[in-house]
Amino acid sequence: MTNKSGNLLNLLWLVALVLFAPVTGLILNSEVFTARSILLLLLWTVVLLTPYVLTRKKWLYVTATSLLFADGFINLFHWIVLKCPLNASSIFVFLNTNFNEASEFMTIKMTPLLLLFIPYTALFVITLKHIPDLKFKSKGGIITWSILWLIVVLFFSDNIVNKRFLRLAVPDVERAFVSFFNESKEYKNLKTRELYNIDTELTTKDTTLVVVIIGESCNRNHMSLYGYGRETTPRLQARQDLLVFDNVISANSNTLRSVMNFLTENNTDNPRPLDSCIHIFDVLHSSPYKSYWLSNQSPIGLWDNGVTNLAQNADVKTFINITANSSKESTMTVSLDERLFEPLRSALDDTAKHKVVFLHLMGNHTQYNKRYPRDFAIFEDKGDKRTRVINTYDNAILYNDFVVDSIISILNSYSLSHNGVRISAIYFSDHGENVYDEGDYAGHDYSDRIPNANVEIPFILWFSQSQRNYLNIHYPHIQERLHTPYMIDDLFHTIIELGDIQTPILDKQRSFVNNDFDTTRQRMLEDGSIYTPKQ
């Protein structure tokens, strides 16, 4: 082999290393793949190799190649596991995930495609052993390098001038991390943010209680209450005192973003910085209400949990799940949602006249077979992987039915002995879960477009008799909205309205119980698409 052909081969090894991850992405999910990602990697390869070309120092080549390898390693993993390039949402989810959740996730996502890391790593070793001789001393070499740099300059300049450099001129991995760090500033500011004082007025003299039951990863299409073939919600179906809404969705496909939306004035139509927009605890703090945050989700993750930063503003905070204090403990311990019953009873016994109680359930979070006791293992954990996963998820739905029904029964018993208290309870899930409903996988991640299963959630209202009497006079239309489209990023306004709080912050067109609720709103999801229900 001549020096010229050997040098060309060495250069091709490097190009193969750079293109390995995006080509894999193209094969795995061509609908999400964009040719721009290949162009960006090649342009940045030119930039990174320039110091080596100019100085001839091999350590600069090794550094550039190592950076390209690390970029590809991260993106290759994301392509294999989630069938899409890395994004800021994935980083947020990862850093708010404990060891137990991560291991559960990998158990579900384990695939032979992970063996692709073997040839990819081998390519990296080859590129380090066979360094191309990029001497561009000849006229042709100088012209070639000059043309490459002209393309780089023109491309980068165009995107800088049009203020889209980060969005269109930075590779996927680096863009994801930059976006993540920009957004993480909001969460850090949220942790130290002081409560705002806003104008509020209570429009009632009655004793009031609002209970917000926040489910987790519950796909309503796996609830027999919504027509699922298996009997997974017998207790809720047996109740005659529920309003069950069948056209409610979440705007988001993960807990962090969803909670940050429905507990603030933020929404997908008009996103605002979390550290400066109004939160539900600002409203409650500025009113006579006492607030409670009772959670079975861990308050601590690898990164400071954004939900905890928001919940810290509640007057009473109770976190019963501390299994994430150590990796070993979180792996071996199960925390069932029924542990929230006693904290709820304690909150009800509080003599405060006006209360809002948030119950954050573990719900149907992966790994599903750890979300229920043995007594609820009705659908057997056996068969092929798909069957086992569906069975364990449906068992988790069955146990969740018991939990939600028990909470409502506790509230009903309380109302019978406290006739003068007007009680409203809302149950919904932060997002859904795709359990082989759309595609051959389970989870709430997605690639190009959010599956409907990820956002189609249960939404149930329960009212005490005294509250029903009140609503029949002031909000008789609520019972007529069982099929009305609604998205929970506006729940902030609905909670305010149910609490009889008058404030300029309340947008009546976004309150589901208000006469002026806008039923024509287009429901835009976090991926920018408009939700369209399947016929």
Protein backbone atom coordinates (compact mmCIF):
# COMPACT_ATOMS: atom_id res chain seq x y z
CA MET A 1 0.00 0.00 0.00
CA THR A 2 1.42 3.39 -0.95
CA ASN A 3 1.76 6.19 1.59
CA LYS A 4 -0.95 8.12 -0.21
CA SER A 5 -3.48 5.28 -0.17
CA GLY A 6 -2.57 4.39 3.43
CA ASN A 7 -3.08 7.98 4.50
CA LEU A 8 -6.46 8.06 2.75
CA LEU A 9 -7.44 4.87 4.57
CA ASN A 10 -6.43 6.42 7.91
CA LEU A 11 -8.61 9.43 7.13
CA LEU A 12 -11.52 7.15 6.23
CA TRP A 13 -11.20 5.40 9.61
CA LEU A 14 -11.65 8.80 11.26
CA VAL A 15 -14.66 9.66 9.08
CA ALA A 16 -16.19 6.27 9.95
CA LEU A 17 -15.77 7.03 13.66
CA VAL A 18 -17.45 10.43 13.26
CA LEU A 19 -20.38 9.07 11.25
CA PHE A 20 -20.93 5.84 13.22
CA ALA A 21 -23.54 7.27 15.64
CA PRO A 22 -25.59 9.32 13.14
CA VAL A 23 -25.65 6.50 10.57
CA THR A 24 -26.84 4.16 13.32
CA GLY A 25 -29.55 6.70 14.12
CA LEU A 26 -30.54 6.84 10.45
CA ILE A 27 -30.97 3.07 10.40
CA LEU A 28 -32.84 2.88 13.72
CA ASN A 29 -35.25 5.75 13.13
CA SER A 30 -35.06 7.47 9.77
CA GLU A 31 -38.13 9.60 10.54
CA VAL A 32 -36.27 11.46 13.29
CA PHE A 33 -32.87 11.53 11.64
CA THR A 34 -31.76 14.76 9.93
CA ALA A 35 -28.95 15.02 7.39
CA ARG A 36 -27.91 18.25 9.10
CA SER A 37 -26.48 16.21 11.99
CA ILE A 38 -23.93 14.62 9.64
CA LEU A 39 -23.04 18.00 8.11
CA LEU A 40 -22.52 19.51 11.57
CA LEU A 41 -20.24 16.70 12.71
CA LEU A 42 -18.11 16.96 9.57
CA LEU A 43 -17.83 20.75 9.90
CA TRP A 44 -16.85 20.52 13.55
CA THR A 45 -14.35 17.79 12.70
CA VAL A 46 -12.64 20.29 10.40
CA VAL A 47 -12.59 22.83 13.25
CA LEU A 48 -11.21 20.36 15.80
CA LEU A 49 -8.51 19.02 13.47
CA THR A 50 -7.23 22.45 12.44
CA PRO A 51 -4.82 22.85 15.40
CA TYR A 52 -3.26 19.46 14.51
CA VAL A 53 -3.00 20.38 10.82
CA LEU A 54 -1.26 23.65 11.64
CA THR A 55 1.12 22.39 14.35
CA ARG A 56 1.63 18.70 13.47
CA LYS A 57 1.45 17.81 17.18
CA LYS A 58 -0.09 14.37 17.63
CA TRP A 59 -1.53 15.11 21.07
CA LEU A 60 -3.84 17.65 19.44
CA TYR A 61 -5.08 14.94 17.06
CA VAL A 62 -5.63 12.56 19.98
CA THR A 63 -7.56 15.27 21.85
CA ALA A 64 -9.76 16.07 18.84
CA THR A 65 -10.43 12.39 18.15
CA SER A 66 -11.24 11.73 21.82
CA LEU A 67 -13.76 14.57 21.84
CA LEU A 68 -15.40 13.23 18.69
CA PHE A 69 -15.48 9.73 20.22
CA ALA A 70 -17.09 11.00 23.45
CA ASP A 71 -19.73 12.92 21.48
CA GLY A 72 -20.55 9.86 19.43
CA PHE A 73 -20.55 7.57 22.47
CA ILE A 74 -23.24 9.62 24.21
CA ASN A 75 -25.37 10.01 21.11
CA LEU A 76 -24.99 6.37 20.11
CA PHE A 77 -26.29 5.27 23.50
CA HIS A 78 -29.27 7.60 23.19
CA TRP A 79 -30.04 6.42 19.66
CA ILE A 80 -29.91 2.77 20.72
CA VAL A 81 -32.01 3.18 23.87
CA LEU A 82 -34.46 5.94 22.91
CA LYS A 83 -34.25 5.95 19.10
CA CYS A 84 -33.50 9.67 18.92
CA PRO A 85 -30.57 12.06 19.41
CA LEU A 86 -29.75 13.36 22.88
CA ASN A 87 -31.89 16.27 24.12
CA ALA A 88 -32.08 18.45 27.21
CA SER A 89 -35.22 16.67 28.46
CA SER A 90 -33.33 13.39 28.66
CA ILE A 91 -30.59 15.00 30.73
CA PHE A 92 -33.14 16.50 33.12
CA VAL A 93 -34.87 13.17 33.53
CA PHE A 94 -31.56 11.36 34.10
CA LEU A 95 -30.34 13.81 36.72
CA ASN A 96 -33.68 13.61 38.54
CA THR A 97 -33.55 9.81 38.55
CA ASN A 98 -32.19 7.71 41.40
CA PHE A 99 -30.22 4.51 40.98
CA ASN A 100 -33.32 2.35 41.41
CA GLU A 101 -35.22 4.13 38.63
CA ALA A 102 -32.18 4.04 36.34
CA SER A 103 -31.71 0.31 36.82
CA GLU A 104 -35.43 -0.29 36.23
CA PHE A 105 -35.27 1.78 33.05
CA MET A 106 -32.27 -0.14 31.72
CA THR A 107 -33.96 -3.44 32.52
CA ILE A 108 -36.79 -2.48 30.19
CA LYS A 109 -34.52 -0.94 27.53
CA MET A 110 -31.84 -3.64 27.45
CA THR A 111 -31.18 -4.59 23.82
CA PRO A 112 -28.56 -6.53 21.82
CA LEU A 113 -27.95 -3.31 19.89
CA LEU A 114 -25.77 -2.20 22.81
CA LEU A 115 -23.15 -4.55 21.31
CA LEU A 116 -22.60 -1.83 18.69
CA PHE A 117 -20.32 -0.20 21.24
CA ILE A 118 -17.75 -2.93 20.51
CA PRO A 119 -17.08 -1.97 16.86
CA TYR A 120 -17.44 1.70 17.74
CA THR A 121 -14.74 1.45 20.41
CA ALA A 122 -12.59 -0.60 18.03
CA LEU A 123 -12.85 2.22 15.48
CA PHE A 124 -11.62 4.67 18.11
CA VAL A 125 -8.58 2.50 18.87
CA ILE A 126 -7.80 2.22 15.14
CA THR A 127 -7.98 5.99 14.64
CA LEU A 128 -5.51 6.51 17.49
CA LYS A 129 -3.06 3.95 16.08
CA HIS A 130 -3.33 5.11 12.48
CA ILE A 131 -3.08 8.88 12.52
CA PRO A 132 -3.65 10.45 9.10
CA ASP A 133 -0.88 12.66 7.81
CA LEU A 134 -2.79 15.85 7.04
CA LYS A 135 0.06 17.80 5.42
CA PHE A 136 -1.51 20.36 3.18
CA LYS A 137 1.70 21.88 1.91
CA SER A 138 0.86 21.24 -1.72
CA LYS A 139 -1.23 23.66 -3.70
CA GLY A 140 -4.08 21.13 -3.92
CA GLY A 141 -4.00 20.49 -0.19
CA ILE A 142 -4.10 24.21 0.62
CA ILE A 143 -7.01 24.73 -1.76
CA THR A 144 -8.91 21.79 -0.26
CA TRP A 145 -8.44 23.00 3.33
CA SER A 146 -9.31 26.57 2.33
CA ILE A 147 -12.56 25.41 0.70
CA LEU A 148 -13.45 23.43 3.81
CA TRP A 149 -12.88 26.42 6.03
CA LEU A 150 -14.80 28.69 3.67
CA ILE A 151 -17.80 26.37 4.05
CA VAL A 152 -17.36 26.40 7.84
CA VAL A 153 -17.17 30.20 8.01
CA LEU A 154 -20.13 30.76 5.69
CA PHE A 155 -22.29 28.22 7.51
CA PHE A 156 -21.45 29.46 11.00
CA SER A 157 -21.75 33.14 10.00
CA ASP A 158 -25.18 32.63 8.50
CA ASN A 159 -26.45 31.02 11.69
CA ILE A 160 -24.84 33.63 13.94
CA VAL A 161 -26.31 36.51 11.94
CA ASN A 162 -29.77 34.90 12.04
CA LYS A 163 -29.40 34.17 15.78
CA ARG A 164 -29.81 30.41 15.42
CA PHE A 165 -26.26 29.20 16.06
CA LEU A 166 -27.16 27.04 19.07
CA ARG A 167 -30.23 25.61 17.40
CA LEU A 168 -28.81 24.86 13.95
CA ALA A 169 -25.00 24.99 14.06
CA VAL A 170 -24.18 23.00 17.20
CA PRO A 171 -24.16 19.15 17.22
CA ASP A 172 -26.93 17.31 19.08
CA VAL A 173 -24.98 16.38 22.22
CA GLU A 174 -23.44 19.78 22.79
CA ARG A 175 -26.71 21.57 22.05
CA ALA A 176 -28.51 19.35 24.55
CA PHE A 177 -26.00 20.10 27.31
CA VAL A 178 -26.00 23.85 26.62
CA SER A 179 -29.81 23.88 26.70
CA PHE A 180 -29.77 21.85 29.88
CA PHE A 181 -27.38 24.18 31.69
CA ASN A 182 -29.36 27.24 30.56
CA GLU A 183 -32.58 25.75 31.91
CA SER A 184 -30.96 24.40 35.06
CA LYS A 185 -30.27 27.99 36.11
CA GLU A 186 -34.02 28.39 36.48
CA TYR A 187 -34.23 25.38 38.81
CA LYS A 188 -31.35 26.65 40.93
CA ASN A 189 -33.00 30.05 41.16
CA LEU A 190 -36.25 28.31 42.03
CA LYS A 191 -34.58 26.70 45.05
CA THR A 192 -33.71 30.08 46.59
CA ARG A 193 -36.72 31.96 45.24
CA GLU A 194 -38.82 33.77 47.85
CA LEU A 195 -42.60 33.46 47.82
CA TYR A 196 -44.38 36.29 46.03
CA ASN A 197 -47.13 38.28 47.70
CA ILE A 198 -50.00 38.77 45.26
CA ASP A 199 -53.48 40.22 45.54
CA THR A 200 -56.01 37.59 46.61
CA GLU A 201 -59.47 37.61 48.13
CA LEU A 202 -61.45 34.64 49.41
CA THR A 203 -64.98 34.73 47.98
CA THR A 204 -66.49 32.41 50.58
CA LYS A 205 -66.85 32.21 54.34
CA ASP A 206 -67.31 28.44 54.24
CA THR A 207 -64.67 26.03 55.48
CA THR A 208 -62.98 24.64 52.37
CA LEU A 209 -60.66 21.78 51.51
CA VAL A 210 -59.09 21.06 48.12
CA VAL A 211 -57.23 17.76 47.65
CA VAL A 212 -55.04 17.32 44.57
CA ILE A 213 -54.05 13.68 43.95
CA ILE A 214 -51.13 13.58 41.51
CA GLY A 215 -50.74 10.19 39.90
CA GLU A 216 -47.66 8.95 38.07
CA SER A 217 -47.31 7.39 34.61
CA CYS A 218 -50.97 6.36 34.42
CA ASN A 219 -52.31 5.64 30.95
CA ARG A 220 -56.11 5.82 31.12
CA ASN A 221 -56.32 3.34 28.25
CA HIS A 222 -55.26 0.63 30.74
CA MET A 223 -58.13 1.49 33.12
CA SER A 224 -61.39 -0.42 32.78
CA LEU A 225 -63.02 2.79 34.02
CA TYR A 226 -62.18 4.11 30.54
CA GLY A 227 -63.14 0.96 28.65
CA TYR A 228 -60.01 -1.20 28.96
CA GLY A 229 -60.81 -4.90 28.45
CA ARG A 230 -59.29 -6.06 31.74
CA GLU A 231 -60.93 -5.19 35.04
CA THR A 232 -58.20 -2.96 36.42
CA THR A 233 -60.32 -0.31 38.21
CA PRO A 234 -63.20 -2.18 39.88
CA ARG A 235 -63.35 0.11 42.94
CA LEU A 236 -63.56 3.39 41.05
CA GLN A 237 -66.09 1.86 38.65
CA ALA A 238 -68.30 0.86 41.58
CA ARG A 239 -68.47 4.44 42.87
CA GLN A 240 -71.47 6.57 41.97
CA ASP A 241 -70.02 9.85 43.20
CA LEU A 242 -67.32 10.53 40.60
CA LEU A 243 -67.12 12.77 37.56
CA VAL A 244 -64.92 10.93 35.05
CA PHE A 245 -63.52 13.02 32.20
CA ASP A 246 -62.33 11.19 29.08
CA ASN A 247 -60.72 13.92 26.97
CA VAL A 248 -58.00 15.23 29.28
CA ILE A 249 -54.30 15.05 28.45
CA SER A 250 -50.94 16.13 29.77
CA ALA A 251 -48.81 18.49 27.71
CA ASN A 252 -45.64 16.75 28.84
CA SER A 253 -44.16 13.28 28.80
CA ASN A 254 -42.15 13.46 32.04
CA THR A 255 -42.86 14.36 35.65
CA LEU A 256 -40.52 17.32 36.02
CA ARG A 257 -41.86 19.39 33.15
CA SER A 258 -45.46 18.38 33.81
CA VAL A 259 -45.45 19.39 37.48
CA MET A 260 -43.67 22.64 36.70
CA ASN A 261 -46.47 23.47 34.29
CA PHE A 262 -49.60 22.49 36.18
CA LEU A 263 -48.50 24.09 39.47
CA THR A 264 -47.52 27.41 37.88
CA GLU A 265 -49.02 29.92 35.48
CA ASN A 266 -46.62 28.52 32.89
CA ASN A 267 -48.14 26.61 29.95
CA THR A 268 -47.14 25.37 26.51
CA ASP A 269 -48.83 28.32 24.77
CA ASN A 270 -46.87 30.87 26.76
CA PRO A 271 -43.76 29.42 28.43
CA ARG A 272 -42.17 31.63 31.08
CA PRO A 273 -39.11 31.40 33.32
CA LEU A 274 -40.00 29.20 36.28
CA ASP A 275 -38.17 31.37 38.78
CA SER A 276 -40.17 34.47 37.90
CA CYS A 277 -43.66 33.21 37.01
CA ILE A 278 -46.38 32.83 39.65
CA HIS A 279 -46.63 29.44 41.42
CA ILE A 280 -49.61 27.92 43.16
CA PHE A 281 -47.85 28.33 46.52
CA ASP A 282 -47.55 32.08 45.89
CA VAL A 283 -51.32 32.20 45.58
CA LEU A 284 -51.96 30.00 48.61
CA HIS A 285 -49.38 31.85 50.72
CA SER A 286 -51.10 35.15 49.87
CA SER A 287 -54.51 33.77 50.88
CA PRO A 288 -55.90 32.25 54.12
CA TYR A 289 -55.07 28.76 52.82
CA LYS A 290 -52.70 26.37 54.55
CA SER A 291 -50.88 24.10 52.11
CA TYR A 292 -49.59 20.54 52.45
CA TRP A 293 -47.27 18.54 50.19
CA LEU A 294 -47.47 14.82 51.00
CA SER A 295 -45.25 12.79 48.70
CA ASN A 296 -44.29 9.17 48.11
CA GLN A 297 -41.71 10.25 45.54
CA SER A 298 -38.12 10.72 46.60
CA PRO A 299 -37.21 14.34 47.41
CA ILE A 300 -33.58 13.89 46.36
CA GLY A 301 -32.06 12.82 43.07
CA LEU A 302 -28.58 13.03 41.59
CA TRP A 303 -29.50 16.63 40.80
CA ASP A 304 -31.56 18.81 43.13
CA ASN A 305 -35.10 17.77 42.31
CA GLY A 306 -37.01 20.63 40.70
CA VAL A 307 -40.33 19.35 42.04
CA THR A 308 -38.92 19.40 45.58
CA ASN A 309 -37.68 22.95 45.05
CA LEU A 310 -41.22 23.97 44.21
CA ALA A 311 -42.86 21.87 46.95
CA GLN A 312 -40.59 23.30 49.64
CA ASN A 313 -42.89 26.35 49.65
CA ALA A 314 -45.78 24.36 51.10
CA ASP A 315 -46.57 25.08 54.75
CA VAL A 316 -46.33 21.38 55.63
CA LYS A 317 -44.03 19.02 53.73
CA THR A 318 -43.98 15.26 54.26
CA PHE A 319 -41.77 12.97 52.17
CA ILE A 320 -42.33 9.36 53.16
CA ASN A 321 -40.07 7.81 50.52
CA ILE A 322 -36.42 8.24 51.44
CA THR A 323 -35.22 5.07 49.74
CA ALA A 324 -32.92 7.08 47.47
CA ASN A 325 -30.55 7.91 50.33
CA SER A 326 -28.36 5.09 49.09
CA SER A 327 -28.32 3.09 45.89
CA LYS A 328 -28.49 -0.24 47.72
CA GLU A 329 -31.41 0.82 49.90
CA SER A 330 -33.40 2.26 46.98
CA THR A 331 -32.90 -0.96 45.02
CA MET A 332 -34.11 -3.21 47.82
CA THR A 333 -36.96 -1.13 49.24
CA VAL A 334 -40.49 -0.64 47.96
CA SER A 335 -42.59 2.32 49.07
CA LEU A 336 -46.31 1.75 48.52
CA ASP A 337 -48.70 4.66 48.08
CA GLU A 338 -50.95 3.51 50.93
CA ARG A 339 -48.30 4.94 53.25
CA LEU A 340 -49.79 8.35 52.40
CA PHE A 341 -53.10 7.55 54.09
CA GLU A 342 -51.93 8.47 57.59
CA PRO A 343 -50.27 11.78 56.57
CA LEU A 344 -53.53 12.62 54.80
CA ARG A 345 -55.57 11.89 57.93
CA SER A 346 -53.20 14.09 59.92
CA ALA A 347 -53.71 16.93 57.46
CA LEU A 348 -57.48 16.52 57.71
CA ASP A 349 -57.26 16.72 61.51
CA ASP A 350 -55.48 20.07 61.25
CA THR A 351 -57.85 22.78 62.48
CA ALA A 352 -56.99 25.26 59.70
CA LYS A 353 -60.20 26.54 58.12
CA HIS A 354 -58.91 26.53 54.54
CA LYS A 355 -56.56 23.83 53.28
CA VAL A 356 -55.09 22.56 50.02
CA VAL A 357 -53.49 19.11 50.22
CA PHE A 358 -51.26 17.78 47.44
CA LEU A 359 -50.70 14.01 47.39
CA HIS A 360 -47.87 12.96 45.07
CA LEU A 361 -48.21 9.24 44.35
CA MET A 362 -45.62 6.78 43.12
CA GLY A 363 -48.48 5.47 40.98
CA ASN A 364 -47.44 3.40 37.99
CA HIS A 365 -43.79 4.38 37.86
CA THR A 366 -41.39 1.84 36.38
CA GLN A 367 -40.48 -0.80 37.45
CA TYR A 368 -44.15 -1.71 37.57
CA ASN A 369 -43.86 -4.90 39.65
CA LYS A 370 -42.54 -2.83 42.57
CA ARG A 371 -45.60 -0.59 42.69
CA TYR A 372 -48.02 -3.03 44.32
CA PRO A 373 -48.10 -5.69 47.06
CA ARG A 374 -48.46 -9.40 46.29
CA ASP A 375 -52.20 -9.33 46.94
CA PHE A 376 -52.59 -7.25 43.77
CA ALA A 377 -50.56 -9.52 41.50
CA ILE A 378 -53.73 -10.66 39.72
CA PHE A 379 -52.19 -10.74 36.26
CA GLU A 380 -49.28 -13.15 36.37
CA ASP A 381 -45.71 -11.97 35.89
CA LYS A 382 -44.85 -14.61 33.29
CA GLY A 383 -44.78 -15.20 29.55
CA ASP A 384 -42.66 -13.28 27.05
CA LYS A 385 -41.27 -9.84 27.88
CA ARG A 386 -44.19 -7.95 26.36
CA THR A 387 -46.75 -10.02 28.26
CA ARG A 388 -44.89 -9.69 31.58
CA VAL A 389 -44.56 -5.94 31.25
CA ILE A 390 -48.24 -5.44 30.38
CA ASN A 391 -49.33 -7.74 33.21
CA THR A 392 -47.23 -5.98 35.83
CA TYR A 393 -48.37 -2.57 34.59
CA ASP A 394 -52.01 -3.62 34.81
CA ASN A 395 -51.38 -4.89 38.35
CA ALA A 396 -49.98 -1.46 39.20
CA ILE A 397 -53.14 0.12 37.74
CA LEU A 398 -55.22 -2.24 39.90
CA TYR A 399 -53.35 -1.17 43.03
CA ASN A 400 -53.59 2.47 42.02
CA ASP A 401 -57.36 1.95 41.81
CA PHE A 402 -57.29 0.81 45.45
CA VAL A 403 -55.18 3.80 46.51
CA VAL A 404 -57.28 6.47 44.79
CA ASP A 405 -60.54 4.86 45.93
CA SER A 406 -59.21 4.68 49.51
CA ILE A 407 -58.24 8.36 49.47
CA ILE A 408 -61.69 9.34 48.25
CA SER A 409 -63.26 7.10 50.93
CA ILE A 410 -61.16 8.83 53.60
CA LEU A 411 -62.38 12.19 52.31
CA ASN A 412 -65.98 10.97 52.18
CA SER A 413 -65.83 9.71 55.79
CA TYR A 414 -64.35 13.04 56.85
CA SER A 415 -67.10 14.96 55.06
CA LEU A 416 -69.83 12.92 56.80
CA SER A 417 -68.49 13.99 60.19
CA HIS A 418 -67.74 17.56 59.02
CA ASN A 419 -70.87 18.54 57.14
CA GLY A 420 -69.91 22.19 56.97
CA VAL A 421 -66.68 21.57 55.05
CA ARG A 422 -66.85 21.94 51.29
CA ILE A 423 -64.41 19.41 49.84
CA SER A 424 -63.13 19.14 46.26
CA ALA A 425 -60.79 16.36 45.15
CA ILE A 426 -58.99 16.02 41.82
CA TYR A 427 -57.23 12.88 40.64
CA PHE A 428 -55.10 12.87 37.50
CA SER A 429 -51.72 11.63 36.32
CA ASP A 430 -48.73 13.81 35.55
CA HIS A 431 -48.37 12.01 32.21
CA GLY A 432 -49.27 8.69 30.64
CA GLU A 433 -47.22 5.60 29.80
CA ASN A 434 -46.81 3.77 26.53
CA VAL A 435 -47.05 0.08 27.46
CA TYR A 436 -46.86 -1.45 24.01
CA ASP A 437 -49.86 0.68 23.03
CA GLU A 438 -47.93 2.39 20.23
CA GLY A 439 -44.75 0.63 19.12
CA ASP A 440 -42.87 -2.31 20.54
CA TYR A 441 -41.71 -0.79 23.82
CA ALA A 442 -42.81 0.43 27.24
CA GLY A 443 -42.07 3.75 28.95
CA HIS A 444 -42.86 7.43 28.51
CA ASP A 445 -39.85 8.40 26.42
CA TYR A 446 -40.33 9.19 22.75
CA SER A 447 -38.33 10.05 19.66
CA ASP A 448 -39.80 12.38 17.06
CA ARG A 449 -43.40 12.69 18.23
CA ILE A 450 -45.06 12.01 21.56
CA PRO A 451 -47.30 8.92 21.38
CA ASN A 452 -50.86 9.57 22.51
CA ALA A 453 -50.36 6.91 25.20
CA ASN A 454 -47.77 9.19 26.82
CA VAL A 455 -50.25 12.01 27.37
CA GLU A 456 -53.72 10.43 27.61
CA ILE A 457 -54.39 10.50 31.34
CA PRO A 458 -57.29 9.94 33.75
CA PHE A 459 -58.97 13.01 35.18
CA ILE A 460 -61.55 12.52 37.94
CA LEU A 461 -63.37 14.96 40.21
CA TRP A 462 -65.04 14.12 43.51
CA PHE A 463 -67.04 16.57 45.63
CA SER A 464 -68.52 16.32 49.09
CA GLN A 465 -72.30 16.78 49.32
CA SER A 466 -71.97 20.34 50.56
CA GLN A 467 -69.61 21.18 47.71
CA ARG A 468 -71.96 19.56 45.19
CA ASN A 469 -74.80 21.72 46.48
CA TYR A 470 -72.60 24.80 46.08
CA LEU A 471 -71.43 23.84 42.59
CA ASN A 472 -74.93 23.04 41.40
CA ILE A 473 -75.75 26.68 42.02
CA HIS A 474 -72.55 28.36 40.83
CA TYR A 475 -71.03 25.87 38.33
CA PRO A 476 -73.85 23.63 37.06
CA HIS A 477 -72.04 23.12 33.72
CA ILE A 478 -69.23 20.98 35.21
CA GLN A 479 -71.19 17.77 34.79
CA GLU A 480 -71.68 18.61 31.11
CA ARG A 481 -67.93 18.63 30.43
CA LEU A 482 -67.17 14.92 30.72
CA HIS A 483 -66.03 14.88 27.06
CA THR A 484 -64.68 18.43 26.85
CA PRO A 485 -61.02 18.75 25.74
CA TYR A 486 -58.70 19.91 28.51
CA MET A 487 -54.95 19.91 29.16
CA ILE A 488 -53.55 19.91 32.68
CA ASP A 489 -50.91 22.58 32.09
CA ASP A 490 -53.82 24.89 33.01
CA LEU A 491 -54.64 23.09 36.27
CA PHE A 492 -53.11 26.01 38.18
CA HIS A 493 -56.20 28.10 37.36
CA THR A 494 -58.65 25.31 38.15
CA ILE A 495 -57.17 24.80 41.63
CA ILE A 496 -57.46 28.54 42.33
CA GLU A 497 -61.11 28.52 41.23
CA LEU A 498 -62.03 25.47 43.32
CA GLY A 499 -60.47 27.21 46.30
CA ASP A 500 -62.81 30.21 45.84
CA ILE A 501 -59.79 32.51 45.48
CA GLN A 502 -60.28 35.72 43.57
CA THR A 503 -57.03 37.07 42.11
CA PRO A 504 -55.90 38.90 38.94
CA ILE A 505 -53.69 35.87 38.26
CA LEU A 506 -56.75 33.69 37.63
CA ASP A 507 -57.44 33.28 33.91
CA LYS A 508 -61.06 32.19 33.75
CA GLN A 509 -60.68 30.91 30.19
CA ARG A 510 -58.10 28.40 31.48
CA SER A 511 -60.10 27.22 34.49
CA PHE A 512 -61.88 23.98 33.62
CA VAL A 513 -64.73 24.67 36.05
CA ASN A 514 -65.37 28.25 34.98
CA ASN A 515 -68.29 29.29 32.76
CA ASP A 516 -65.81 31.10 30.48
CA PHE A 517 -63.48 28.13 29.98
CA ASP A 518 -62.07 28.12 26.44
CA THR A 519 -63.11 24.78 24.92
CA THR A 520 -61.54 25.65 21.55
CA ARG A 521 -57.91 25.84 22.68
CA GLN A 522 -55.50 23.87 20.52
CA ARG A 523 -53.62 21.47 22.77
CA MET A 524 -49.96 21.83 21.84
CA LEU A 525 -47.64 19.23 23.37
CA GLU A 526 -44.06 19.73 24.51
CA ASP A 527 -42.73 18.44 21.17
CA GLY A 528 -44.57 21.25 19.36
CA SER A 529 -47.22 18.99 17.84
CA ILE A 530 -50.97 19.46 18.26
CA TYR A 531 -52.65 16.58 20.07
CA THR A 532 -55.01 14.64 17.83
CA PRO A 533 -57.07 11.85 19.44
CA LYS A 534 -57.26 8.58 17.55
CA GLN A 535 -60.64 7.82 16.03
